[in-house]
């Protein structure tokens, strides 16, 4: 294939020696061959090091690095460090338990035209054994930011191939977030990005493995540090919705934050409820003083007594801000 620009594949990993081999084999099987695969270890204690030494010896396009000790632990910092090491014209972050189909890179690189900053492909949700594929359907109803924030356009880290120059001088993954790091980053990158600057490939090009013990599954239960990360993202997008004067974005973010506030009281997570109350109230203060006063005053009462009210939860969710 003539004129193949370099693609940097960045994979953070942690104790996935039993799975990452399948991921790396799928990289080796790519029909597009001009790639570098940067694996950044976040502190594995299993056999990851030995496995990676074998792959690096097998093919020089693989690189194995450790997250610097003075960087915050977690996959976010590992992804950011991999970006600093990358040399490609294009960048695709990928997870250490998922699998690329053979034309994953080729079709995405070929979709880049002048003015295109990112290419988004579809994929399959699969179980732990890579079975029972369910297609990720990609269709924009409005525009990329709005559909993504309202989770009408469901994508994960693997979906997107970025033009690296688009990412220059931008903050990448927030290392302080415990959940939804790609949601925070993508919403920030998609905000005010015209639709003509992205390209969508509806063909599934990767397998996205679902784990019973993974963050997505754990997130079905109440985890305070996850909830605060989710609340932070919703608050930022509520402010963006207010700036855009977009009723659907505002309603989606505001309604979820109201739900999170009352759930925090149910699960005795007062810290999260106080954080949500303060930021939501300040966000709507200029829009409607009466609603601000009701939410902030009664919210403080609910926090003080460590219990909520179904009536007011339902009432506040109905507010138009």
C-alpha atoms as a PDB file:
ATOM      1  CA  UNK A   1       0.000   0.000   0.000  1.00  0.00           C
ATOM      2  CA  UNK A   2       1.736   3.219  -1.150  1.00  0.00           C
ATOM      3  CA  UNK A   3       2.169   6.289   1.051  1.00  0.00           C
ATOM      4  CA  UNK A   4       1.300   4.795   4.402  1.00  0.00           C
ATOM      5  CA  UNK A   5       1.494   7.395   7.201  1.00  0.00           C
ATOM      6  CA  UNK A   6       2.575   6.045  10.576  1.00  0.00           C
ATOM      7  CA  UNK A   7      -0.215   5.133  13.014  1.00  0.00           C
ATOM      8  CA  UNK A   8       0.506   5.092  16.746  1.00  0.00           C
ATOM      9  CA  UNK A   9      -1.509   2.514  18.680  1.00  0.00           C
ATOM     10  CA  UNK A  10      -1.361   3.273  22.410  1.00  0.00           C
ATOM     11  CA  UNK A  11      -2.372   0.540  24.857  1.00  0.00           C
ATOM     12  CA  UNK A  12      -2.328   1.034  28.648  1.00  0.00           C
ATOM     13  CA  UNK A  13      -2.173  -2.245  30.567  1.00  0.00           C
ATOM     14  CA  UNK A  14      -2.440  -3.574  34.094  1.00  0.00           C
ATOM     15  CA  UNK A  15      -2.266  -7.267  34.999  1.00  0.00           C
ATOM     16  CA  UNK A  16      -3.700  -8.451  31.690  1.00  0.00           C
ATOM     17  CA  UNK A  17      -0.998 -10.909  30.663  1.00  0.00           C
ATOM     18  CA  UNK A  18      -3.732 -13.501  30.127  1.00  0.00           C
ATOM     19  CA  UNK A  19      -5.552 -11.262  27.622  1.00  0.00           C
ATOM     20  CA  UNK A  20      -3.239  -8.719  26.022  1.00  0.00           C
ATOM     21  CA  UNK A  21      -1.642 -11.374  23.805  1.00  0.00           C
ATOM     22  CA  UNK A  22      -4.898 -11.612  21.840  1.00  0.00           C
ATOM     23  CA  UNK A  23      -4.890  -7.838  21.464  1.00  0.00           C
ATOM     24  CA  UNK A  24      -1.297  -7.763  20.220  1.00  0.00           C
ATOM     25  CA  UNK A  25      -1.906 -10.661  17.833  1.00  0.00           C
ATOM     26  CA  UNK A  26      -4.766  -8.661  16.310  1.00  0.00           C
ATOM     27  CA  UNK A  27      -2.383  -5.735  15.821  1.00  0.00           C
ATOM     28  CA  UNK A  28       0.079  -8.035  14.063  1.00  0.00           C
ATOM     29  CA  UNK A  29      -2.725  -9.230  11.772  1.00  0.00           C
ATOM     30  CA  UNK A  30      -3.542  -5.739  10.476  1.00  0.00           C
ATOM     31  CA  UNK A  31      -3.677  -5.295   6.701  1.00  0.00           C
ATOM     32  CA  UNK A  32      -2.243  -1.813   7.281  1.00  0.00           C
ATOM     33  CA  UNK A  33       1.374  -2.355   8.245  1.00  0.00           C
ATOM     34  CA  UNK A  34       2.918   1.039   9.030  1.00  0.00           C
ATOM     35  CA  UNK A  35       2.167   1.201  12.742  1.00  0.00           C
ATOM     36  CA  UNK A  36       3.904   1.437  16.074  1.00  0.00           C
ATOM     37  CA  UNK A  37       2.266  -0.177  19.086  1.00  0.00           C
ATOM     38  CA  UNK A  38       3.152   1.492  22.384  1.00  0.00           C
ATOM     39  CA  UNK A  39       2.201  -0.543  25.458  1.00  0.00           C
ATOM     40  CA  UNK A  40       2.422   1.388  28.728  1.00  0.00           C
ATOM     41  CA  UNK A  41       2.377  -0.704  31.908  1.00  0.00           C
ATOM     42  CA  UNK A  42       0.588   0.862  34.864  1.00  0.00           C
ATOM     43  CA  UNK A  43       2.321  -1.350  37.427  1.00  0.00           C
ATOM     44  CA  UNK A  44       1.518  -4.954  36.544  1.00  0.00           C
ATOM     45  CA  UNK A  45       2.587  -7.699  38.933  1.00  0.00           C
ATOM     46  CA  UNK A  46       1.739 -10.675  36.707  1.00  0.00           C
ATOM     47  CA  UNK A  47       3.656 -11.951  33.684  1.00  0.00           C
ATOM     48  CA  UNK A  48       3.097  -8.867  31.530  1.00  0.00           C
ATOM     49  CA  UNK A  49       6.788  -7.935  31.413  1.00  0.00           C
ATOM     50  CA  UNK A  50       7.907 -11.346  30.111  1.00  0.00           C
ATOM     51  CA  UNK A  51       5.094 -11.446  27.578  1.00  0.00           C
ATOM     52  CA  UNK A  52       5.925  -7.986  26.255  1.00  0.00           C
ATOM     53  CA  UNK A  53       9.611  -8.829  25.973  1.00  0.00           C
ATOM     54  CA  UNK A  54       8.648 -11.712  23.711  1.00  0.00           C
ATOM     55  CA  UNK A  55       6.456  -9.527  21.477  1.00  0.00           C
ATOM     56  CA  UNK A  56       9.094  -6.786  21.247  1.00  0.00           C
ATOM     57  CA  UNK A  57      11.653  -9.396  20.240  1.00  0.00           C
ATOM     58  CA  UNK A  58       9.255 -10.769  17.647  1.00  0.00           C
ATOM     59  CA  UNK A  59       8.465  -7.420  16.015  1.00  0.00           C
ATOM     60  CA  UNK A  60      10.302  -4.123  16.486  1.00  0.00           C
ATOM     61  CA  UNK A  61       7.094  -2.185  15.897  1.00  0.00           C
ATOM     62  CA  UNK A  62       6.091  -3.081  19.476  1.00  0.00           C
ATOM     63  CA  UNK A  63       7.344  -0.926  22.351  1.00  0.00           C
ATOM     64  CA  UNK A  64       7.034  -1.620  26.061  1.00  0.00           C
ATOM     65  CA  UNK A  65       7.228   1.169  28.629  1.00  0.00           C
ATOM     66  CA  UNK A  66       6.356   1.702  32.275  1.00  0.00           C
ATOM     67  CA  UNK A  67       4.347   4.644  33.526  1.00  0.00           C
ATOM     68  CA  UNK A  68       6.803   7.030  35.213  1.00  0.00           C
ATOM     69  CA  UNK A  69       6.653   6.733  38.988  1.00  0.00           C
ATOM     70  CA  UNK A  70       6.060  10.453  39.420  1.00  0.00           C
ATOM     71  CA  UNK A  71       2.891  10.265  37.286  1.00  0.00           C
ATOM     72  CA  UNK A  72      -0.449   9.512  38.942  1.00  0.00           C
ATOM     73  CA  UNK A  73      -1.328   5.810  38.762  1.00  0.00           C
ATOM     74  CA  UNK A  74      -4.107   4.687  36.455  1.00  0.00           C
ATOM     75  CA  UNK A  75      -4.870   4.097  32.819  1.00  0.00           C
ATOM     76  CA  UNK A  76      -5.366   7.808  32.118  1.00  0.00           C
ATOM     77  CA  UNK A  77      -1.754   8.710  32.879  1.00  0.00           C
ATOM     78  CA  UNK A  78      -0.558   5.644  30.960  1.00  0.00           C
ATOM     79  CA  UNK A  79      -2.518   6.787  27.897  1.00  0.00           C
ATOM     80  CA  UNK A  80      -1.084  10.289  28.169  1.00  0.00           C
ATOM     81  CA  UNK A  81       2.459   8.982  28.555  1.00  0.00           C
ATOM     82  CA  UNK A  82       2.028   6.796  25.488  1.00  0.00           C
ATOM     83  CA  UNK A  83       0.942   9.859  23.530  1.00  0.00           C
ATOM     84  CA  UNK A  84       4.118  11.690  24.562  1.00  0.00           C
ATOM     85  CA  UNK A  85       6.164   8.790  23.187  1.00  0.00           C
ATOM     86  CA  UNK A  86       4.216   8.450  19.944  1.00  0.00           C
ATOM     87  CA  UNK A  87       5.590   9.450  16.564  1.00  0.00           C
ATOM     88  CA  UNK A  88       2.640   8.698  14.291  1.00  0.00           C
ATOM     89  CA  UNK A  89       0.623  11.047  12.139  1.00  0.00           C
ATOM     90  CA  UNK A  90      -2.463   9.324  13.517  1.00  0.00           C
ATOM     91  CA  UNK A  91      -3.222   8.079  17.040  1.00  0.00           C
ATOM     92  CA  UNK A  92      -5.582   5.341  18.214  1.00  0.00           C
ATOM     93  CA  UNK A  93      -5.830   4.515  21.919  1.00  0.00           C
ATOM     94  CA  UNK A  94      -6.868   0.902  22.431  1.00  0.00           C
ATOM     95  CA  UNK A  95      -7.715  -1.302  25.420  1.00  0.00           C
ATOM     96  CA  UNK A  96      -5.574  -4.244  26.505  1.00  0.00           C
ATOM     97  CA  UNK A  97      -8.402  -6.792  26.443  1.00  0.00           C
ATOM     98  CA  UNK A  98     -10.025  -5.941  23.114  1.00  0.00           C
ATOM     99  CA  UNK A  99      -9.349  -7.158  19.593  1.00  0.00           C
ATOM    100  CA  UNK A 100      -8.913  -5.378  16.267  1.00  0.00           C
ATOM    101  CA  UNK A 101     -10.406  -6.936  13.161  1.00  0.00           C
ATOM    102  CA  UNK A 102      -7.842  -7.162  10.307  1.00  0.00           C
ATOM    103  CA  UNK A 103      -8.926  -4.004   8.438  1.00  0.00           C
ATOM    104  CA  UNK A 104      -9.308  -1.875  11.583  1.00  0.00           C
ATOM    105  CA  UNK A 105      -6.455   0.487  10.674  1.00  0.00           C
ATOM    106  CA  UNK A 106      -6.660   0.358   6.894  1.00  0.00           C
ATOM    107  CA  UNK A 107     -10.276   1.469   6.574  1.00  0.00           C
ATOM    108  CA  UNK A 108      -9.886   4.204   9.167  1.00  0.00           C
ATOM    109  CA  UNK A 109      -6.709   5.671   7.646  1.00  0.00           C
ATOM    110  CA  UNK A 110      -8.276   5.591   4.174  1.00  0.00           C
ATOM    111  CA  UNK A 111     -11.253   7.582   5.493  1.00  0.00           C
ATOM    112  CA  UNK A 112      -9.089  10.606   6.296  1.00  0.00           C
ATOM    113  CA  UNK A 113      -9.641  13.403   3.795  1.00  0.00           C
ATOM    114  CA  UNK A 114      -8.662  17.064   3.954  1.00  0.00           C
ATOM    115  CA  UNK A 115     -10.323  18.674   6.954  1.00  0.00           C
ATOM    116  CA  UNK A 116     -11.115  15.405   8.716  1.00  0.00           C
ATOM    117  CA  UNK A 117      -9.745  15.416  12.276  1.00  0.00           C
ATOM    118  CA  UNK A 118     -11.036  12.066  13.527  1.00  0.00           C
ATOM    119  CA  UNK A 119     -12.543   8.874  12.145  1.00  0.00           C
ATOM    120  CA  UNK A 120     -15.004   6.864  14.216  1.00  0.00           C
ATOM    121  CA  UNK A 121     -15.714   3.226  13.419  1.00  0.00           C
ATOM    122  CA  UNK A 122     -18.302   0.816  14.752  1.00  0.00           C
ATOM    123  CA  UNK A 123     -17.497  -2.360  16.671  1.00  0.00           C
ATOM    124  CA  UNK A 124     -19.021  -5.379  18.387  1.00  0.00           C
ATOM    125  CA  UNK A 125     -19.771  -5.863  22.073  1.00  0.00           C
ATOM    126  CA  UNK A 126     -18.700  -9.438  22.957  1.00  0.00           C
ATOM    127  CA  UNK A 127     -18.480 -11.580  26.082  1.00  0.00           C
ATOM    128  CA  UNK A 128     -15.264 -12.627  27.813  1.00  0.00           C
ATOM    129  CA  UNK A 129     -14.701 -15.388  25.261  1.00  0.00           C
ATOM    130  CA  UNK A 130     -15.178 -12.952  22.344  1.00  0.00           C
ATOM    131  CA  UNK A 131     -18.538 -14.572  21.586  1.00  0.00           C
ATOM    132  CA  UNK A 132     -22.125 -13.364  21.044  1.00  0.00           C
ATOM    133  CA  UNK A 133     -21.300 -10.194  19.083  1.00  0.00           C
ATOM    134  CA  UNK A 134     -23.716  -7.264  19.313  1.00  0.00           C
ATOM    135  CA  UNK A 135     -23.116  -4.470  16.824  1.00  0.00           C
ATOM    136  CA  UNK A 136     -22.553  -0.915  18.032  1.00  0.00           C
ATOM    137  CA  UNK A 137     -24.906   1.121  15.848  1.00  0.00           C
ATOM    138  CA  UNK A 138     -23.597   4.558  14.944  1.00  0.00           C
ATOM    139  CA  UNK A 139     -25.998   7.183  13.644  1.00  0.00           C
ATOM    140  CA  UNK A 140     -25.972  10.899  14.351  1.00  0.00           C
ATOM    141  CA  UNK A 141     -29.343  12.417  15.179  1.00  0.00           C
ATOM    142  CA  UNK A 142     -28.053  15.974  15.607  1.00  0.00           C
ATOM    143  CA  UNK A 143     -24.319  16.690  15.956  1.00  0.00           C
ATOM    144  CA  UNK A 144     -21.461  14.750  17.462  1.00  0.00           C
ATOM    145  CA  UNK A 145     -21.117  16.545  20.806  1.00  0.00           C
ATOM    146  CA  UNK A 146     -24.831  16.638  21.567  1.00  0.00           C
ATOM    147  CA  UNK A 147     -25.511  13.006  20.654  1.00  0.00           C
ATOM    148  CA  UNK A 148     -22.454  11.752  22.525  1.00  0.00           C
ATOM    149  CA  UNK A 149     -23.158  13.678  25.729  1.00  0.00           C
ATOM    150  CA  UNK A 150     -26.738  12.346  25.808  1.00  0.00           C
ATOM    151  CA  UNK A 151     -25.386   8.845  25.096  1.00  0.00           C
ATOM    152  CA  UNK A 152     -27.312   8.589  21.842  1.00  0.00           C
ATOM    153  CA  UNK A 153     -24.020   7.977  20.051  1.00  0.00           C
ATOM    154  CA  UNK A 154     -22.280   5.212  21.979  1.00  0.00           C
ATOM    155  CA  UNK A 155     -18.550   4.964  21.455  1.00  0.00           C
ATOM    156  CA  UNK A 156     -15.551   3.945  23.562  1.00  0.00           C
ATOM    157  CA  UNK A 157     -11.832   4.631  23.441  1.00  0.00           C
ATOM    158  CA  UNK A 158     -11.187   2.078  20.696  1.00  0.00           C
ATOM    159  CA  UNK A 159     -13.593   3.627  18.193  1.00  0.00           C
ATOM    160  CA  UNK A 160     -11.622   6.742  17.290  1.00  0.00           C
ATOM    161  CA  UNK A 161      -8.554   7.302  15.149  1.00  0.00           C
ATOM    162  CA  UNK A 162      -7.330  10.878  15.652  1.00  0.00           C
ATOM    163  CA  UNK A 163      -5.209  13.077  13.471  1.00  0.00           C
ATOM    164  CA  UNK A 164      -2.379  13.732  15.907  1.00  0.00           C
ATOM    165  CA  UNK A 165      -2.104  17.421  15.026  1.00  0.00           C
ATOM    166  CA  UNK A 166      -5.711  17.840  16.221  1.00  0.00           C
ATOM    167  CA  UNK A 167      -4.590  16.754  19.709  1.00  0.00           C
ATOM    168  CA  UNK A 168      -1.580  19.077  19.928  1.00  0.00           C
ATOM    169  CA  UNK A 169      -1.749  21.633  22.776  1.00  0.00           C
ATOM    170  CA  UNK A 170      -4.871  19.999  24.204  1.00  0.00           C
ATOM    171  CA  UNK A 171      -5.236  18.465  27.645  1.00  0.00           C
ATOM    172  CA  UNK A 172      -5.680  14.742  27.134  1.00  0.00           C
ATOM    173  CA  UNK A 173      -7.055  12.198  29.639  1.00  0.00           C
ATOM    174  CA  UNK A 174      -7.724  13.646  33.080  1.00  0.00           C
ATOM    175  CA  UNK A 175      -5.610  11.492  35.454  1.00  0.00           C
ATOM    176  CA  UNK A 176      -7.749  12.450  38.466  1.00  0.00           C
ATOM    177  CA  UNK A 177     -10.929  10.872  37.124  1.00  0.00           C
ATOM    178  CA  UNK A 178     -11.768   7.350  38.293  1.00  0.00           C
ATOM    179  CA  UNK A 179     -14.552   6.688  35.795  1.00  0.00           C
ATOM    180  CA  UNK A 180     -15.687   8.078  32.453  1.00  0.00           C
ATOM    181  CA  UNK A 181     -12.267   9.412  31.470  1.00  0.00           C
ATOM    182  CA  UNK A 182     -12.932   8.905  27.764  1.00  0.00           C
ATOM    183  CA  UNK A 183     -16.377  10.501  28.152  1.00  0.00           C
ATOM    184  CA  UNK A 184     -14.794  13.631  29.630  1.00  0.00           C
ATOM    185  CA  UNK A 185     -12.088  13.793  26.959  1.00  0.00           C
ATOM    186  CA  UNK A 186     -14.310  13.070  23.983  1.00  0.00           C
ATOM    187  CA  UNK A 187     -16.987  15.546  25.064  1.00  0.00           C
ATOM    188  CA  UNK A 188     -14.287  18.191  25.396  1.00  0.00           C
ATOM    189  CA  UNK A 189     -12.829  17.376  21.974  1.00  0.00           C
ATOM    190  CA  UNK A 190     -16.234  17.132  20.274  1.00  0.00           C
ATOM    191  CA  UNK A 191     -17.514  20.405  21.733  1.00  0.00           C
ATOM    192  CA  UNK A 192     -18.069  22.843  18.847  1.00  0.00           C
ATOM    193  CA  UNK A 193     -16.371  20.444  16.403  1.00  0.00           C
ATOM    194  CA  UNK A 194     -18.302  20.737  13.107  1.00  0.00           C
ATOM    195  CA  UNK A 195     -19.751  17.472  11.775  1.00  0.00           C
ATOM    196  CA  UNK A 196     -17.803  17.866   8.542  1.00  0.00           C
ATOM    197  CA  UNK A 197     -14.576  17.421  10.529  1.00  0.00           C
ATOM    198  CA  UNK A 198     -15.364  13.849  11.496  1.00  0.00           C
ATOM    199  CA  UNK A 199     -15.970  10.715   9.480  1.00  0.00           C
ATOM    200  CA  UNK A 200     -18.077   7.753  10.579  1.00  0.00           C
ATOM    201  CA  UNK A 201     -17.525   4.170   9.449  1.00  0.00           C
ATOM    202  CA  UNK A 202     -20.582   2.091  10.264  1.00  0.00           C
ATOM    203  CA  UNK A 203     -18.791  -1.200   9.658  1.00  0.00           C
ATOM    204  CA  UNK A 204     -17.725  -2.943  12.914  1.00  0.00           C
ATOM    205  CA  UNK A 205     -13.931  -3.085  13.070  1.00  0.00           C
ATOM    206  CA  UNK A 206     -13.135  -4.303  16.594  1.00  0.00           C
ATOM    207  CA  UNK A 207     -14.368  -6.524  19.424  1.00  0.00           C
ATOM    208  CA  UNK A 208     -15.121  -4.829  22.750  1.00  0.00           C
ATOM    209  CA  UNK A 209     -14.929  -7.355  25.568  1.00  0.00           C
ATOM    210  CA  UNK A 210     -17.412  -7.116  28.464  1.00  0.00           C
ATOM    211  CA  UNK A 211     -16.256  -8.266  31.930  1.00  0.00           C
ATOM    212  CA  UNK A 212     -18.536  -9.001  34.899  1.00  0.00           C
ATOM    213  CA  UNK A 213     -15.922  -7.468  37.212  1.00  0.00           C
ATOM    214  CA  UNK A 214     -15.100  -4.496  34.982  1.00  0.00           C
ATOM    215  CA  UNK A 215     -15.821  -0.844  35.722  1.00  0.00           C
ATOM    216  CA  UNK A 216     -18.922  -0.892  33.526  1.00  0.00           C
ATOM    217  CA  UNK A 217     -20.363  -3.757  35.551  1.00  0.00           C
ATOM    218  CA  UNK A 218     -19.213  -2.369  38.905  1.00  0.00           C
ATOM    219  CA  UNK A 219     -20.732   0.959  37.949  1.00  0.00           C
ATOM    220  CA  UNK A 220     -24.178  -0.628  38.219  1.00  0.00           C
ATOM    221  CA  UNK A 221     -23.573  -0.548  41.964  1.00  0.00           C
ATOM    222  CA  UNK A 222     -22.896   2.634  43.918  1.00  0.00           C
ATOM    223  CA  UNK A 223     -19.202   3.543  44.087  1.00  0.00           C
ATOM    224  CA  UNK A 224     -18.638   7.050  45.546  1.00  0.00           C
ATOM    225  CA  UNK A 225     -15.407   7.832  43.696  1.00  0.00           C
ATOM    226  CA  UNK A 226     -16.982   6.741  40.396  1.00  0.00           C
ATOM    227  CA  UNK A 227     -20.056   8.842  41.091  1.00  0.00           C
ATOM    228  CA  UNK A 228     -18.026  11.981  41.753  1.00  0.00           C
ATOM    229  CA  UNK A 229     -16.194  11.546  38.462  1.00  0.00           C
ATOM    230  CA  UNK A 230     -19.499  11.097  36.644  1.00  0.00           C
ATOM    231  CA  UNK A 231     -20.945  14.152  38.403  1.00  0.00           C
ATOM    232  CA  UNK A 232     -17.937  16.254  37.425  1.00  0.00           C
ATOM    233  CA  UNK A 233     -18.462  15.363  33.753  1.00  0.00           C
ATOM    234  CA  UNK A 234     -22.189  16.109  33.897  1.00  0.00           C
ATOM    235  CA  UNK A 235     -21.589  19.476  35.566  1.00  0.00           C
ATOM    236  CA  UNK A 236     -19.125  20.529  32.864  1.00  0.00           C
ATOM    237  CA  UNK A 237     -21.568  19.474  30.155  1.00  0.00           C
ATOM    238  CA  UNK A 238     -24.446  21.240  31.900  1.00  0.00           C
ATOM    239  CA  UNK A 239     -22.422  24.441  31.658  1.00  0.00           C
ATOM    240  CA  UNK A 240     -21.744  23.755  27.984  1.00  0.00           C
ATOM    241  CA  UNK A 241     -25.436  23.118  27.408  1.00  0.00           C
ATOM    242  CA  UNK A 242     -26.202  26.464  29.035  1.00  0.00           C
ATOM    243  CA  UNK A 243     -23.611  28.153  26.823  1.00  0.00           C
ATOM    244  CA  UNK A 244     -25.143  26.531  23.734  1.00  0.00           C
ATOM    245  CA  UNK A 245     -28.658  27.218  25.061  1.00  0.00           C
ATOM    246  CA  UNK A 246     -29.493  23.633  24.132  1.00  0.00           C
ATOM    247  CA  UNK A 247     -32.547  22.434  26.045  1.00  0.00           C
ATOM    248  CA  UNK A 248     -31.902  18.717  25.481  1.00  0.00           C
ATOM    249  CA  UNK A 249     -28.301  18.825  26.696  1.00  0.00           C
ATOM    250  CA  UNK A 250     -29.289  20.921  29.717  1.00  0.00           C
ATOM    251  CA  UNK A 251     -32.213  18.654  30.593  1.00  0.00           C
ATOM    252  CA  UNK A 252     -30.181  15.466  30.263  1.00  0.00           C
ATOM    253  CA  UNK A 253     -27.322  16.706  32.447  1.00  0.00           C
ATOM    254  CA  UNK A 254     -29.538  18.475  34.998  1.00  0.00           C
ATOM    255  CA  UNK A 255     -31.883  15.487  35.395  1.00  0.00           C
ATOM    256  CA  UNK A 256     -29.016  13.060  35.951  1.00  0.00           C
ATOM    257  CA  UNK A 257     -27.391  15.377  38.469  1.00  0.00           C
ATOM    258  CA  UNK A 258     -30.630  15.652  40.434  1.00  0.00           C
ATOM    259  CA  UNK A 259     -30.817  11.849  40.476  1.00  0.00           C
ATOM    260  CA  UNK A 260     -27.185  11.599  41.595  1.00  0.00           C
ATOM    261  CA  UNK A 261     -27.808  14.131  44.389  1.00  0.00           C
ATOM    262  CA  UNK A 262     -30.614  12.078  45.904  1.00  0.00           C
ATOM    263  CA  UNK A 263     -28.815   8.770  45.333  1.00  0.00           C
ATOM    264  CA  UNK A 264     -25.873  10.149  47.287  1.00  0.00           C
ATOM    265  CA  UNK A 265     -28.148  10.701  50.266  1.00  0.00           C
ATOM    266  CA  UNK A 266     -29.588   7.193  49.980  1.00  0.00           C
ATOM    267  CA  UNK A 267     -26.105   5.654  49.977  1.00  0.00           C
ATOM    268  CA  UNK A 268     -24.805   8.029  52.686  1.00  0.00           C
ATOM    269  CA  UNK A 269     -22.384   9.616  50.231  1.00  0.00           C
ATOM    270  CA  UNK A 270     -22.910  13.133  51.561  1.00  0.00           C
ATOM    271  CA  UNK A 271     -19.676  14.427  50.033  1.00  0.00           C
ATOM    272  CA  UNK A 272     -20.922  13.751  46.500  1.00  0.00           C
ATOM    273  CA  UNK A 273     -24.367  15.204  47.233  1.00  0.00           C
ATOM    274  CA  UNK A 274     -22.839  18.424  48.621  1.00  0.00           C
ATOM    275  CA  UNK A 275     -20.526  18.711  45.605  1.00  0.00           C
ATOM    276  CA  UNK A 276     -23.428  18.265  43.176  1.00  0.00           C
ATOM    277  CA  UNK A 277     -25.692  20.673  45.058  1.00  0.00           C
ATOM    278  CA  UNK A 278     -23.138  23.463  45.109  1.00  0.00           C
ATOM    279  CA  UNK A 279     -22.216  23.215  41.435  1.00  0.00           C
ATOM    280  CA  UNK A 280     -25.714  22.666  40.063  1.00  0.00           C
ATOM    281  CA  UNK A 281     -27.128  25.557  42.077  1.00  0.00           C
ATOM    282  CA  UNK A 282     -24.391  27.920  40.910  1.00  0.00           C
ATOM    283  CA  UNK A 283     -24.859  26.806  37.302  1.00  0.00           C
ATOM    284  CA  UNK A 284     -28.568  27.683  37.218  1.00  0.00           C
ATOM    285  CA  UNK A 285     -28.468  30.769  39.461  1.00  0.00           C
ATOM    286  CA  UNK A 286     -28.388  33.244  36.572  1.00  0.00           C
ATOM    287  CA  UNK A 287     -31.010  31.295  34.618  1.00  0.00           C
ATOM    288  CA  UNK A 288     -33.715  31.165  37.276  1.00  0.00           C
ATOM    289  CA  UNK A 289     -33.232  32.660  40.736  1.00  0.00           C
ATOM    290  CA  UNK A 290     -36.424  31.128  42.147  1.00  0.00           C
ATOM    291  CA  UNK A 291     -35.427  27.588  41.137  1.00  0.00           C
ATOM    292  CA  UNK A 292     -31.899  28.230  42.394  1.00  0.00           C
ATOM    293  CA  UNK A 293     -33.182  29.302  45.812  1.00  0.00           C
ATOM    294  CA  UNK A 294     -35.490  26.295  46.116  1.00  0.00           C
ATOM    295  CA  UNK A 295     -32.848  23.766  45.096  1.00  0.00           C
ATOM    296  CA  UNK A 296     -30.043  25.257  47.162  1.00  0.00           C
ATOM    297  CA  UNK A 297     -32.095  25.936  50.314  1.00  0.00           C
ATOM    298  CA  UNK A 298     -33.978  22.629  50.395  1.00  0.00           C
ATOM    299  CA  UNK A 299     -30.880  20.804  49.211  1.00  0.00           C
ATOM    300  CA  UNK A 300     -28.996  21.993  52.278  1.00  0.00           C
ATOM    301  CA  UNK A 301     -31.860  20.745  54.459  1.00  0.00           C
ATOM    302  CA  UNK A 302     -31.779  17.324  52.779  1.00  0.00           C
ATOM    303  CA  UNK A 303     -28.000  17.142  53.246  1.00  0.00           C
ATOM    304  CA  UNK A 304     -28.286  18.137  56.910  1.00  0.00           C
ATOM    305  CA  UNK A 305     -30.809  15.397  57.641  1.00  0.00           C
ATOM    306  CA  UNK A 306     -29.016  12.899  55.349  1.00  0.00           C
ATOM    307  CA  UNK A 307     -32.226  11.987  53.556  1.00  0.00           C
ATOM    308  CA  UNK A 308     -34.030  13.070  50.428  1.00  0.00           C
ATOM    309  CA  UNK A 309     -37.569  13.358  49.115  1.00  0.00           C
ATOM    310  CA  UNK A 310     -39.067  11.467  46.186  1.00  0.00           C
ATOM    311  CA  UNK A 311     -41.505  14.337  45.650  1.00  0.00           C
ATOM    312  CA  UNK A 312     -38.749  16.932  45.262  1.00  0.00           C
ATOM    313  CA  UNK A 313     -36.561  14.638  43.198  1.00  0.00           C
ATOM    314  CA  UNK A 314     -39.422  14.236  40.732  1.00  0.00           C
ATOM    315  CA  UNK A 315     -40.240  17.954  40.909  1.00  0.00           C
ATOM    316  CA  UNK A 316     -36.657  19.102  40.262  1.00  0.00           C
ATOM    317  CA  UNK A 317     -36.222  16.681  37.373  1.00  0.00           C
ATOM    318  CA  UNK A 318     -39.204  18.373  35.714  1.00  0.00           C
ATOM    319  CA  UNK A 319     -37.566  21.809  35.925  1.00  0.00           C
ATOM    320  CA  UNK A 320     -36.639  23.459  32.647  1.00  0.00           C
ATOM    321  CA  UNK A 321     -33.352  25.288  33.117  1.00  0.00           C
END
